[in-house]
Amino acid sequence: MIPRRKTRNNDEALSAFIAAKAEIDTMLERLTALSADHFEFDPDAINWGAVGSINSVAADLRKITDFLFGEGEHAA
């Protein structure tokens, strides 16, 4: 029989995981909508500052995807 404490801890961990996943899903939905709107940059007014900003965002997202997919510096 599984000890009751371990089951409670697993249930708590599962609840915390689901809450974090819901937060990520919300962020992804917001990013997708913002991307569809060119991240609120006016396409006719793009300059090198905008390029730097979007490259910074891409670099941060690349760190996340590299970690999650075991790519880049996280490759085996």
N, C-alpha and C. Protein backbone atom coordinates (compact mmCIF):
# COMPACT_ATOMS: atom_id res chain seq x y z
N MET A 1 0.84 -1.18 0.00
CA MET A 1 0.00 0.00 0.00
C MET A 1 0.89 1.25 0.00
N ILE A 2 0.50 2.26 -0.79
CA ILE A 2 1.26 3.51 -0.88
C ILE A 2 0.97 4.35 0.36
N PRO A 3 2.02 4.87 0.98
CA PRO A 3 1.78 5.72 2.16
C PRO A 3 0.94 6.94 1.78
N ARG A 4 0.07 7.33 2.66
CA ARG A 4 -0.84 8.45 2.42
C ARG A 4 -0.08 9.76 2.15
N ARG A 5 1.02 9.99 2.85
CA ARG A 5 1.78 11.23 2.69
C ARG A 5 2.29 11.37 1.26
N LYS A 6 2.81 10.28 0.68
CA LYS A 6 3.33 10.35 -0.68
C LYS A 6 2.21 10.68 -1.65
N THR A 7 1.06 10.10 -1.49
CA THR A 7 -0.08 10.39 -2.36
C THR A 7 -0.46 11.85 -2.26
N ARG A 8 -0.51 12.40 -1.04
CA ARG A 8 -0.85 13.80 -0.87
C ARG A 8 0.18 14.70 -1.54
N ASN A 9 1.46 14.37 -1.36
CA ASN A 9 2.51 15.16 -1.98
C ASN A 9 2.43 15.10 -3.50
N ASN A 10 2.14 13.92 -4.05
CA ASN A 10 1.99 13.79 -5.50
C ASN A 10 0.78 14.58 -5.98
N ASP A 11 -0.31 14.54 -5.23
CA ASP A 11 -1.49 15.31 -5.60
C ASP A 11 -1.19 16.81 -5.59
N GLU A 12 -0.46 17.25 -4.59
CA GLU A 12 -0.08 18.66 -4.50
C GLU A 12 0.85 19.05 -5.65
N ALA A 13 1.78 18.17 -5.97
CA ALA A 13 2.70 18.44 -7.07
C ALA A 13 1.94 18.50 -8.39
N LEU A 14 1.00 17.59 -8.58
CA LEU A 14 0.20 17.59 -9.81
C LEU A 14 -0.62 18.87 -9.91
N SER A 15 -1.21 19.31 -8.82
CA SER A 15 -1.98 20.56 -8.83
C SER A 15 -1.09 21.75 -9.16
N ALA A 16 0.09 21.79 -8.59
CA ALA A 16 1.03 22.89 -8.86
C ALA A 16 1.48 22.85 -10.32
N PHE A 17 1.72 21.66 -10.85
CA PHE A 17 2.13 21.50 -12.24
C PHE A 17 1.03 22.00 -13.18
N ILE A 18 -0.19 21.60 -12.92
CA ILE A 18 -1.33 22.01 -13.76
C ILE A 18 -1.52 23.52 -13.70
N ALA A 19 -1.33 24.12 -12.55
CA ALA A 19 -1.45 25.58 -12.42
C ALA A 19 -0.36 26.28 -13.23
N ALA A 20 0.87 25.77 -13.16
CA ALA A 20 1.97 26.37 -13.93
C ALA A 20 1.74 26.21 -15.42
N LYS A 21 1.22 25.03 -15.83
CA LYS A 21 0.93 24.80 -17.24
C LYS A 21 -0.15 25.75 -17.73
N ALA A 22 -1.17 25.98 -16.93
CA ALA A 22 -2.24 26.92 -17.30
C ALA A 22 -1.67 28.32 -17.48
N GLU A 23 -0.74 28.70 -16.61
CA GLU A 23 -0.10 30.01 -16.73
C GLU A 23 0.69 30.11 -18.03
N ILE A 24 1.42 29.04 -18.37
CA ILE A 24 2.18 29.01 -19.62
C ILE A 24 1.24 29.09 -20.82
N ASP A 25 0.15 28.32 -20.77
CA ASP A 25 -0.82 28.34 -21.88
C ASP A 25 -1.38 29.75 -22.09
N THR A 26 -1.66 30.46 -21.01
CA THR A 26 -2.15 31.83 -21.11
C THR A 26 -1.10 32.74 -21.75
N MET A 27 0.14 32.60 -21.33
CA MET A 27 1.22 33.41 -21.91
C MET A 27 1.38 33.11 -23.39
N LEU A 28 1.30 31.83 -23.77
CA LEU A 28 1.44 31.46 -25.18
C LEU A 28 0.31 32.04 -26.02
N GLU A 29 -0.91 32.00 -25.50
CA GLU A 29 -2.05 32.59 -26.21
C GLU A 29 -1.84 34.08 -26.43
N ARG A 30 -1.37 34.77 -25.39
CA ARG A 30 -1.12 36.21 -25.51
C ARG A 30 0.00 36.48 -26.51
N LEU A 31 1.07 35.69 -26.47
CA LEU A 31 2.17 35.88 -27.42
C LEU A 31 1.71 35.62 -28.85
N THR A 32 0.89 34.61 -29.05
CA THR A 32 0.38 34.30 -30.39
C THR A 32 -0.44 35.46 -30.93
N ALA A 33 -1.31 36.02 -30.09
CA ALA A 33 -2.13 37.15 -30.52
C ALA A 33 -1.26 38.37 -30.81
N LEU A 34 -0.27 38.61 -29.97
CA LEU A 34 0.62 39.76 -30.18
C LEU A 34 1.46 39.58 -31.44
N SER A 35 1.90 38.36 -31.70
CA SER A 35 2.66 38.07 -32.91
C SER A 35 1.82 38.33 -34.16
N ALA A 36 0.55 37.96 -34.11
CA ALA A 36 -0.35 38.19 -35.25
C ALA A 36 -0.48 39.68 -35.55
N ASP A 37 -0.23 40.50 -34.54
CA ASP A 37 -0.31 41.96 -34.70
C ASP A 37 1.10 42.57 -34.81
N HIS A 38 2.07 41.76 -35.28
CA HIS A 38 3.45 42.22 -35.46
C HIS A 38 4.04 42.79 -34.17
N PHE A 39 3.65 42.21 -33.04
CA PHE A 39 4.13 42.66 -31.74
C PHE A 39 3.92 44.17 -31.55
N GLU A 40 2.83 44.65 -32.14
CA GLU A 40 2.41 46.05 -32.09
C GLU A 40 3.39 47.01 -32.75
N PHE A 41 4.29 46.48 -33.58
CA PHE A 41 5.16 47.34 -34.37
C PHE A 41 4.44 47.67 -35.67
N ASP A 42 4.53 48.89 -36.10
CA ASP A 42 3.96 49.31 -37.38
C ASP A 42 4.91 48.82 -38.47
N PRO A 43 4.46 47.88 -39.32
CA PRO A 43 5.35 47.35 -40.36
C PRO A 43 5.95 48.42 -41.26
N ASP A 44 5.26 49.53 -41.42
CA ASP A 44 5.79 50.61 -42.26
C ASP A 44 6.81 51.48 -41.54
N ALA A 45 6.97 51.26 -40.24
CA ALA A 45 7.89 52.09 -39.46
C ALA A 45 8.99 51.26 -38.79
N ILE A 46 9.21 50.04 -39.28
CA ILE A 46 10.24 49.18 -38.69
C ILE A 46 11.61 49.84 -38.87
N ASN A 47 12.38 49.84 -37.78
CA ASN A 47 13.75 50.37 -37.82
C ASN A 47 14.65 49.37 -37.10
N TRP A 48 15.93 49.71 -36.98
CA TRP A 48 16.87 48.76 -36.36
C TRP A 48 16.60 48.57 -34.88
N GLY A 49 15.98 49.54 -34.23
CA GLY A 49 15.59 49.36 -32.83
C GLY A 49 14.55 48.26 -32.70
N ALA A 50 13.61 48.23 -33.63
CA ALA A 50 12.59 47.17 -33.63
C ALA A 50 13.22 45.81 -33.89
N VAL A 51 14.20 45.78 -34.79
CA VAL A 51 14.90 44.53 -35.08
C VAL A 51 15.62 44.04 -33.82
N GLY A 52 16.28 44.94 -33.12
CA GLY A 52 16.95 44.56 -31.88
C GLY A 52 15.99 44.04 -30.84
N SER A 53 14.85 44.69 -30.72
CA SER A 53 13.83 44.26 -29.75
C SER A 53 13.31 42.87 -30.07
N ILE A 54 12.97 42.63 -31.33
CA ILE A 54 12.40 41.33 -31.69
C ILE A 54 13.47 40.24 -31.61
N ASN A 55 14.73 40.58 -31.91
CA ASN A 55 15.81 39.60 -31.76
C ASN A 55 16.04 39.25 -30.29
N SER A 56 15.86 40.20 -29.39
CA SER A 56 15.98 39.93 -27.97
C SER A 56 14.90 38.96 -27.50
N VAL A 57 13.69 39.19 -27.96
CA VAL A 57 12.58 38.29 -27.63
C VAL A 57 12.87 36.90 -28.19
N ALA A 58 13.32 36.83 -29.45
CA ALA A 58 13.62 35.54 -30.07
C ALA A 58 14.71 34.79 -29.29
N ALA A 59 15.72 35.51 -28.82
CA ALA A 59 16.81 34.88 -28.06
C ALA A 59 16.28 34.29 -26.75
N ASP A 60 15.41 35.03 -26.08
CA ASP A 60 14.83 34.52 -24.83
C ASP A 60 13.98 33.28 -25.08
N LEU A 61 13.17 33.32 -26.12
CA LEU A 61 12.33 32.16 -26.45
C LEU A 61 13.19 30.97 -26.89
N ARG A 62 14.29 31.24 -27.60
CA ARG A 62 15.20 30.17 -28.01
C ARG A 62 15.79 29.47 -26.78
N LYS A 63 16.11 30.21 -25.74
CA LYS A 63 16.62 29.59 -24.51
C LYS A 63 15.59 28.62 -23.94
N ILE A 64 14.34 29.04 -23.96
CA ILE A 64 13.27 28.19 -23.44
C ILE A 64 13.10 26.95 -24.30
N THR A 65 13.01 27.13 -25.63
CA THR A 65 12.81 25.96 -26.49
C THR A 65 14.02 25.05 -26.49
N ASP A 66 15.23 25.61 -26.43
CA ASP A 66 16.42 24.76 -26.33
C ASP A 66 16.37 23.89 -25.08
N PHE A 67 15.96 24.47 -23.97
CA PHE A 67 15.85 23.72 -22.71
C PHE A 67 14.80 22.62 -22.83
N LEU A 68 13.62 22.97 -23.33
CA LEU A 68 12.52 22.01 -23.39
C LEU A 68 12.74 20.90 -24.41
N PHE A 69 13.43 21.20 -25.52
CA PHE A 69 13.62 20.21 -26.57
C PHE A 69 15.02 19.61 -26.56
N GLY A 70 15.84 19.98 -25.59
CA GLY A 70 17.19 19.43 -25.49
C GLY A 70 18.06 19.81 -26.67
N GLU A 71 17.92 21.07 -27.10
CA GLU A 71 18.69 21.57 -28.23
C GLU A 71 19.69 22.63 -27.76
N GLY A 72 20.48 23.17 -28.71
CA GLY A 72 21.44 24.21 -28.36
C GLY A 72 22.36 23.75 -27.26
N GLU A 73 22.57 24.59 -26.26
CA GLU A 73 23.48 24.24 -25.16
C GLU A 73 22.94 23.10 -24.31
N HIS A 74 21.67 22.75 -24.48
CA HIS A 74 21.07 21.66 -23.71
C HIS A 74 21.07 20.34 -24.49
N ALA A 75 21.67 20.34 -25.67
CA ALA A 75 21.71 19.11 -26.47
C ALA A 75 22.58 18.07 -25.78
N ALA A 76 22.16 16.85 -25.91
CA ALA A 76 22.89 15.75 -25.26
C ALA A 76 24.15 15.41 -25.99
